[in-house]
Amino acid sequence: MLLSTLTRKEKLKFLDLAIHIALVDGDATEQENRMLKLMVAEVSDDVFKEYHFVLSDNLEETIQFFEQAPKRVKNIVYMNLFKISVVSPVYTTNAHFLLEDIRYRLGIVDEQKRDLIHIVYSEKDLREKALSLVNK
């Protein structure tokens, strides 16, 4: 969501973080892999053509990159990372702690976190409602 508004470098760095979130507990689930592919497609064709799902060597460097980013970018990154973490049936403590560390380092306060999480769940609820309606 809103990933297409990021710069090329921000998109690539986001995808590095996204893979770290998906693999925080070992192999990515089928749902996480699907979500990653959707996010790669959303970032644009030029990034899609060159991106390979490879875990970056330096998570710390990637987080530091976003610490210097504008607030809008930080919010988009956190919201989409959270979206990946809840697509799987199990939200693990490792994912929670990694997300909380990233949130803290990006300076996202509790109220903003709640609002971003609310958007993710609202989108998920809308998708489920649409599926229910078309399957009637």
N, C-alpha and C. Protein backbone atom coordinates (compact mmCIF):
# COMPACT_ATOMS: atom_id res chain seq x y z
N MET A 1 0.84 -1.17 0.00
CA MET A 1 0.00 0.00 0.00
C MET A 1 0.89 1.24 0.00
N LEU A 2 0.75 2.06 -1.03
CA LEU A 2 1.50 3.30 -1.22
C LEU A 2 2.99 3.09 -1.52
N LEU A 3 3.39 1.88 -1.76
CA LEU A 3 4.80 1.61 -2.05
C LEU A 3 5.26 2.27 -3.34
N SER A 4 4.34 2.46 -4.27
CA SER A 4 4.71 3.07 -5.55
C SER A 4 5.14 4.52 -5.38
N THR A 5 4.82 5.15 -4.26
CA THR A 5 5.20 6.55 -4.03
C THR A 5 6.64 6.69 -3.52
N LEU A 6 7.29 5.59 -3.18
CA LEU A 6 8.66 5.64 -2.69
C LEU A 6 9.64 5.82 -3.84
N THR A 7 10.83 6.32 -3.52
CA THR A 7 11.88 6.41 -4.54
C THR A 7 12.39 5.00 -4.85
N ARG A 8 13.13 4.88 -5.92
CA ARG A 8 13.67 3.57 -6.31
C ARG A 8 14.51 2.97 -5.18
N LYS A 9 15.40 3.76 -4.58
CA LYS A 9 16.25 3.25 -3.51
C LYS A 9 15.40 2.87 -2.28
N GLU A 10 14.40 3.67 -1.95
CA GLU A 10 13.53 3.35 -0.82
C GLU A 10 12.77 2.05 -1.07
N LYS A 11 12.34 1.84 -2.31
CA LYS A 11 11.64 0.61 -2.66
C LYS A 11 12.54 -0.60 -2.44
N LEU A 12 13.77 -0.52 -2.93
CA LEU A 12 14.71 -1.63 -2.78
C LEU A 12 15.03 -1.89 -1.31
N LYS A 13 15.25 -0.84 -0.55
CA LYS A 13 15.53 -0.99 0.88
C LYS A 13 14.32 -1.54 1.62
N PHE A 14 13.11 -1.09 1.23
CA PHE A 14 11.90 -1.64 1.84
C PHE A 14 11.82 -3.14 1.60
N LEU A 15 12.07 -3.56 0.37
CA LEU A 15 11.98 -4.99 0.06
C LEU A 15 12.98 -5.79 0.89
N ASP A 16 14.15 -5.22 1.17
CA ASP A 16 15.11 -5.89 2.06
C ASP A 16 14.50 -6.10 3.44
N LEU A 17 13.87 -5.06 3.98
CA LEU A 17 13.22 -5.19 5.30
C LEU A 17 12.07 -6.17 5.25
N ALA A 18 11.31 -6.13 4.17
CA ALA A 18 10.16 -7.03 4.03
C ALA A 18 10.59 -8.49 4.09
N ILE A 19 11.69 -8.79 3.43
CA ILE A 19 12.18 -10.18 3.45
C ILE A 19 12.63 -10.56 4.86
N HIS A 20 13.26 -9.64 5.56
CA HIS A 20 13.66 -9.92 6.95
C HIS A 20 12.44 -10.23 7.82
N ILE A 21 11.36 -9.48 7.63
CA ILE A 21 10.13 -9.74 8.39
C ILE A 21 9.55 -11.10 8.03
N ALA A 22 9.51 -11.41 6.75
CA ALA A 22 8.93 -12.69 6.31
C ALA A 22 9.75 -13.88 6.78
N LEU A 23 11.06 -13.70 6.92
CA LEU A 23 11.93 -14.82 7.28
C LEU A 23 12.37 -14.80 8.75
N VAL A 24 11.77 -13.94 9.55
CA VAL A 24 12.21 -13.79 10.94
C VAL A 24 12.09 -15.10 11.73
N ASP A 25 11.20 -15.97 11.35
CA ASP A 25 11.03 -17.25 12.04
C ASP A 25 11.41 -18.45 11.19
N GLY A 26 12.24 -18.24 10.21
CA GLY A 26 12.63 -19.34 9.33
C GLY A 26 12.07 -19.09 7.94
N ASP A 27 11.62 -20.14 7.30
CA ASP A 27 11.09 -20.02 5.94
C ASP A 27 9.80 -19.20 5.93
N ALA A 28 9.61 -18.44 4.87
CA ALA A 28 8.39 -17.66 4.70
C ALA A 28 7.22 -18.59 4.41
N THR A 29 6.07 -18.24 4.92
CA THR A 29 4.86 -19.02 4.63
C THR A 29 4.40 -18.75 3.21
N GLU A 30 3.50 -19.56 2.73
CA GLU A 30 2.94 -19.35 1.39
C GLU A 30 2.28 -17.97 1.30
N GLN A 31 1.56 -17.58 2.36
CA GLN A 31 0.90 -16.27 2.38
C GLN A 31 1.93 -15.13 2.35
N GLU A 32 3.01 -15.28 3.11
CA GLU A 32 4.05 -14.25 3.12
C GLU A 32 4.72 -14.13 1.75
N ASN A 33 4.99 -15.27 1.11
CA ASN A 33 5.57 -15.25 -0.23
C ASN A 33 4.66 -14.55 -1.23
N ARG A 34 3.36 -14.83 -1.12
CA ARG A 34 2.39 -14.18 -2.01
C ARG A 34 2.38 -12.67 -1.78
N MET A 35 2.38 -12.27 -0.50
CA MET A 35 2.36 -10.85 -0.16
C MET A 35 3.64 -10.16 -0.67
N LEU A 36 4.78 -10.81 -0.51
CA LEU A 36 6.03 -10.24 -1.01
C LEU A 36 5.97 -10.04 -2.53
N LYS A 37 5.43 -11.02 -3.24
CA LYS A 37 5.33 -10.89 -4.69
C LYS A 37 4.40 -9.75 -5.08
N LEU A 38 3.30 -9.58 -4.35
CA LEU A 38 2.40 -8.46 -4.61
C LEU A 38 3.09 -7.13 -4.36
N MET A 39 3.89 -7.07 -3.31
CA MET A 39 4.60 -5.83 -2.99
C MET A 39 5.68 -5.53 -4.02
N VAL A 40 6.37 -6.54 -4.49
CA VAL A 40 7.37 -6.34 -5.54
C VAL A 40 6.68 -5.83 -6.79
N ALA A 41 5.52 -6.38 -7.13
CA ALA A 41 4.78 -5.92 -8.30
C ALA A 41 4.32 -4.47 -8.11
N GLU A 42 3.95 -4.10 -6.88
CA GLU A 42 3.47 -2.75 -6.61
C GLU A 42 4.57 -1.70 -6.74
N VAL A 43 5.80 -2.06 -6.44
CA VAL A 43 6.86 -1.05 -6.45
C VAL A 43 7.19 -0.55 -7.84
N SER A 44 6.94 -1.29 -8.88
CA SER A 44 7.04 -0.88 -10.28
C SER A 44 7.80 -1.90 -11.10
N ASP A 45 7.62 -1.78 -12.40
CA ASP A 45 8.22 -2.74 -13.32
C ASP A 45 9.74 -2.74 -13.30
N ASP A 46 10.36 -1.56 -13.22
CA ASP A 46 11.82 -1.53 -13.27
C ASP A 46 12.43 -2.23 -12.06
N VAL A 47 11.86 -2.04 -10.90
CA VAL A 47 12.35 -2.71 -9.69
C VAL A 47 12.00 -4.20 -9.76
N PHE A 48 10.79 -4.50 -10.24
CA PHE A 48 10.34 -5.89 -10.35
C PHE A 48 11.29 -6.70 -11.22
N LYS A 49 11.75 -6.12 -12.31
CA LYS A 49 12.62 -6.84 -13.25
C LYS A 49 13.99 -7.15 -12.65
N GLU A 50 14.48 -6.30 -11.76
CA GLU A 50 15.83 -6.50 -11.23
C GLU A 50 15.86 -7.11 -9.84
N TYR A 51 14.73 -7.19 -9.17
CA TYR A 51 14.75 -7.63 -7.78
C TYR A 51 14.73 -9.15 -7.67
N HIS A 52 15.57 -9.65 -6.79
CA HIS A 52 15.60 -11.07 -6.48
C HIS A 52 15.37 -11.23 -4.99
N PHE A 53 14.61 -12.22 -4.62
CA PHE A 53 14.29 -12.43 -3.21
C PHE A 53 15.49 -13.01 -2.47
N VAL A 54 16.40 -12.13 -2.10
CA VAL A 54 17.60 -12.53 -1.39
C VAL A 54 17.68 -11.71 -0.11
N LEU A 55 17.92 -12.39 0.99
CA LEU A 55 18.03 -11.71 2.27
C LEU A 55 19.28 -10.84 2.28
N SER A 56 19.12 -9.55 2.55
CA SER A 56 20.27 -8.65 2.58
C SER A 56 21.19 -9.01 3.74
N ASP A 57 22.45 -8.72 3.56
CA ASP A 57 23.45 -9.06 4.58
C ASP A 57 23.38 -8.16 5.80
N ASN A 58 22.92 -6.93 5.62
CA ASN A 58 23.04 -5.97 6.70
C ASN A 58 21.71 -5.32 7.06
N LEU A 59 20.97 -5.97 7.94
CA LEU A 59 19.69 -5.43 8.41
C LEU A 59 19.90 -4.09 9.08
N GLU A 60 20.94 -3.98 9.88
CA GLU A 60 21.23 -2.74 10.60
C GLU A 60 21.38 -1.55 9.65
N GLU A 61 22.11 -1.75 8.58
CA GLU A 61 22.32 -0.69 7.59
C GLU A 61 21.00 -0.27 6.94
N THR A 62 20.15 -1.24 6.67
CA THR A 62 18.86 -0.95 6.05
C THR A 62 17.96 -0.14 6.99
N ILE A 63 17.94 -0.52 8.27
CA ILE A 63 17.14 0.23 9.24
C ILE A 63 17.70 1.64 9.38
N GLN A 64 19.02 1.78 9.42
CA GLN A 64 19.64 3.11 9.52
C GLN A 64 19.26 3.99 8.33
N PHE A 65 19.15 3.40 7.16
CA PHE A 65 18.73 4.15 5.98
C PHE A 65 17.38 4.81 6.22
N PHE A 66 16.44 4.05 6.78
CA PHE A 66 15.10 4.58 7.00
C PHE A 66 15.01 5.50 8.21
N GLU A 67 15.96 5.43 9.12
CA GLU A 67 15.97 6.37 10.25
C GLU A 67 16.12 7.81 9.75
N GLN A 68 16.76 7.97 8.61
CA GLN A 68 17.00 9.30 8.03
C GLN A 68 15.91 9.72 7.04
N ALA A 69 14.95 8.85 6.79
CA ALA A 69 13.92 9.11 5.79
C ALA A 69 12.86 10.08 6.32
N PRO A 70 12.11 10.71 5.40
CA PRO A 70 10.99 11.55 5.83
C PRO A 70 9.93 10.72 6.56
N LYS A 71 9.17 11.38 7.41
CA LYS A 71 8.14 10.70 8.23
C LYS A 71 7.16 9.92 7.35
N ARG A 72 6.77 10.48 6.22
CA ARG A 72 5.83 9.81 5.31
C ARG A 72 6.38 8.45 4.88
N VAL A 73 7.65 8.42 4.54
CA VAL A 73 8.30 7.17 4.10
C VAL A 73 8.34 6.18 5.26
N LYS A 74 8.69 6.64 6.44
CA LYS A 74 8.74 5.76 7.61
C LYS A 74 7.37 5.12 7.87
N ASN A 75 6.32 5.91 7.75
CA ASN A 75 4.96 5.39 7.99
C ASN A 75 4.56 4.36 6.94
N ILE A 76 4.89 4.63 5.69
CA ILE A 76 4.57 3.67 4.61
C ILE A 76 5.33 2.37 4.83
N VAL A 77 6.59 2.47 5.17
CA VAL A 77 7.42 1.28 5.41
C VAL A 77 6.86 0.47 6.57
N TYR A 78 6.61 1.12 7.70
CA TYR A 78 6.11 0.38 8.86
C TYR A 78 4.75 -0.27 8.57
N MET A 79 3.84 0.47 7.94
CA MET A 79 2.52 -0.06 7.65
C MET A 79 2.61 -1.32 6.79
N ASN A 80 3.46 -1.30 5.79
CA ASN A 80 3.59 -2.46 4.90
C ASN A 80 4.34 -3.61 5.56
N LEU A 81 5.29 -3.32 6.42
CA LEU A 81 5.95 -4.39 7.17
C LEU A 81 4.95 -5.08 8.09
N PHE A 82 4.10 -4.29 8.73
CA PHE A 82 3.07 -4.88 9.60
C PHE A 82 2.13 -5.75 8.76
N LYS A 83 1.78 -5.27 7.59
CA LYS A 83 0.89 -6.02 6.69
C LYS A 83 1.46 -7.41 6.38
N ILE A 84 2.76 -7.48 6.16
CA ILE A 84 3.40 -8.77 5.90
C ILE A 84 3.30 -9.66 7.14
N SER A 85 3.52 -9.08 8.29
CA SER A 85 3.57 -9.89 9.52
C SER A 85 2.23 -10.49 9.89
N VAL A 86 1.12 -9.88 9.47
CA VAL A 86 -0.19 -10.40 9.85
C VAL A 86 -0.87 -11.20 8.74
N VAL A 87 -0.23 -11.33 7.59
CA VAL A 87 -0.83 -12.10 6.51
C VAL A 87 -0.77 -13.60 6.83
N SER A 88 0.21 -13.99 7.59
CA SER A 88 0.36 -15.39 8.00
C SER A 88 -0.62 -15.68 9.14
N PRO A 89 -1.09 -16.90 9.26
CA PRO A 89 -2.03 -17.23 10.34
C PRO A 89 -1.46 -17.03 11.75
N VAL A 90 -0.14 -17.04 11.87
CA VAL A 90 0.49 -16.91 13.19
C VAL A 90 1.36 -15.66 13.22
N TYR A 91 1.08 -14.78 14.18
CA TYR A 91 1.89 -13.58 14.40
C TYR A 91 2.83 -13.92 15.55
N THR A 92 4.11 -14.09 15.24
CA THR A 92 5.05 -14.61 16.22
C THR A 92 5.69 -13.51 17.06
N THR A 93 6.25 -13.91 18.18
CA THR A 93 6.94 -12.95 19.04
C THR A 93 8.19 -12.39 18.35
N ASN A 94 8.87 -13.20 17.56
CA ASN A 94 10.04 -12.69 16.83
C ASN A 94 9.65 -11.59 15.86
N ALA A 95 8.55 -11.78 15.14
CA ALA A 95 8.07 -10.74 14.24
C ALA A 95 7.67 -9.50 15.03
N HIS A 96 6.99 -9.71 16.13
CA HIS A 96 6.56 -8.58 16.97
C HIS A 96 7.76 -7.76 17.44
N PHE A 97 8.76 -8.42 17.98
CA PHE A 97 9.92 -7.70 18.52
C PHE A 97 10.72 -7.00 17.42
N LEU A 98 10.84 -7.63 16.25
CA LEU A 98 11.54 -6.98 15.14
C LEU A 98 10.76 -5.74 14.69
N LEU A 99 9.45 -5.88 14.55
CA LEU A 99 8.63 -4.73 14.16
C LEU A 99 8.69 -3.61 15.19
N GLU A 100 8.66 -3.97 16.46
CA GLU A 100 8.73 -2.97 17.51
C GLU A 100 10.08 -2.25 17.51
N ASP A 101 11.14 -2.99 17.26
CA ASP A 101 12.46 -2.37 17.17
C ASP A 101 12.51 -1.38 16.00
N ILE A 102 11.99 -1.81 14.86
CA ILE A 102 11.96 -0.93 13.69
C ILE A 102 11.09 0.29 13.98
N ARG A 103 9.92 0.09 14.56
CA ARG A 103 9.02 1.19 14.88
C ARG A 103 9.69 2.21 15.79
N TYR A 104 10.32 1.71 16.83
CA TYR A 104 11.01 2.59 17.78
C TYR A 104 12.09 3.39 17.08
N ARG A 105 12.87 2.72 16.27
CA ARG A 105 13.99 3.38 15.60
C ARG A 105 13.53 4.37 14.54
N LEU A 106 12.35 4.15 13.99
CA LEU A 106 11.81 5.08 13.01
C LEU A 106 11.04 6.23 13.67
N GLY A 107 10.89 6.16 14.97
CA GLY A 107 10.22 7.24 15.69
C GLY A 107 8.72 7.26 15.52
N ILE A 108 8.12 6.11 15.29
CA ILE A 108 6.67 6.02 15.13
C ILE A 108 6.07 5.83 16.52
N VAL A 109 5.29 6.81 16.95
CA VAL A 109 4.70 6.80 18.29
C VAL A 109 3.50 5.86 18.34
N ASP A 110 3.08 5.51 19.56
CA ASP A 110 1.99 4.54 19.76
C ASP A 110 0.72 4.92 19.01
N GLU A 111 0.33 6.19 19.06
CA GLU A 111 -0.91 6.60 18.40
C GLU A 111 -0.82 6.40 16.88
N GLN A 112 0.31 6.76 16.31
CA GLN A 112 0.51 6.57 14.86
C GLN A 112 0.54 5.08 14.53
N LYS A 113 1.16 4.28 15.37
CA LYS A 113 1.19 2.83 15.17
C LYS A 113 -0.24 2.28 15.13
N ARG A 114 -1.06 2.69 16.08
CA ARG A 114 -2.45 2.22 16.12
C ARG A 114 -3.19 2.60 14.83
N ASP A 115 -3.00 3.83 14.38
CA ASP A 115 -3.68 4.28 13.16
C ASP A 115 -3.23 3.48 11.94
N LEU A 116 -1.93 3.23 11.82
CA LEU A 116 -1.42 2.46 10.69
C LEU A 116 -1.91 1.01 10.73
N ILE A 117 -1.91 0.42 11.91
CA ILE A 117 -2.41 -0.95 12.07
C ILE A 117 -3.90 -1.02 11.74
N HIS A 118 -4.64 0.00 12.14
CA HIS A 118 -6.06 0.06 11.85
C HIS A 118 -6.30 0.05 10.33
N ILE A 119 -5.48 0.78 9.59
CA ILE A 119 -5.60 0.80 8.13
C ILE A 119 -5.37 -0.59 7.56
N VAL A 120 -4.36 -1.28 8.05
CA VAL A 120 -4.06 -2.63 7.55
C VAL A 120 -5.23 -3.57 7.81
N TYR A 121 -5.77 -3.55 9.02
CA TYR A 121 -6.90 -4.43 9.33
C TYR A 121 -8.16 -4.03 8.59
N SER A 122 -8.36 -2.74 8.37
CA SER A 122 -9.53 -2.28 7.60
C SER A 122 -9.46 -2.79 6.17
N GLU A 123 -8.27 -2.74 5.59
CA GLU A 123 -8.08 -3.25 4.23
C GLU A 123 -8.35 -4.76 4.20
N LYS A 124 -7.84 -5.46 5.19
CA LYS A 124 -8.05 -6.91 5.28
C LYS A 124 -9.53 -7.24 5.44
N ASP A 125 -10.23 -6.49 6.30
CA ASP A 125 -11.67 -6.70 6.49
C ASP A 125 -12.46 -6.43 5.21
N LEU A 126 -12.09 -5.37 4.50
CA LEU A 126 -12.77 -5.03 3.25
C LEU A 126 -12.58 -6.14 2.22
N ARG A 127 -11.37 -6.67 2.12
CA ARG A 127 -11.10 -7.76 1.18
C ARG A 127 -11.94 -8.99 1.52
N GLU A 128 -12.02 -9.32 2.80
CA GLU A 128 -12.81 -10.48 3.22
C GLU A 128 -14.30 -10.26 2.98
N LYS A 129 -14.77 -9.05 3.19
CA LYS A 129 -16.18 -8.73 2.92
C LYS A 129 -16.47 -8.86 1.44
N ALA A 130 -15.57 -8.36 0.60
CA ALA A 130 -15.74 -8.46 -0.85
C ALA A 130 -15.79 -9.92 -1.29
N LEU A 131 -14.90 -10.74 -0.75
CA LEU A 131 -14.91 -12.17 -1.07
C LEU A 131 -16.21 -12.83 -0.67
N SER A 132 -16.70 -12.46 0.50
CA SER A 132 -17.96 -13.02 0.99
C SER A 132 -19.11 -12.64 0.05
N LEU A 133 -19.13 -11.39 -0.37
CA LEU A 133 -20.21 -10.93 -1.24
C LEU A 133 -20.17 -11.58 -2.62
N VAL A 134 -18.99 -11.70 -3.21
CA VAL A 134 -18.93 -12.28 -4.54
C VAL A 134 -19.15 -13.79 -4.52
N ASN A 135 -18.98 -14.41 -3.39
CA ASN A 135 -19.19 -15.86 -3.28
C ASN A 135 -20.62 -16.24 -2.91
N LYS A 136 -21.50 -15.25 -2.74
CA LYS A 136 -22.91 -15.55 -2.40
C LYS A 136 -23.66 -16.02 -3.61
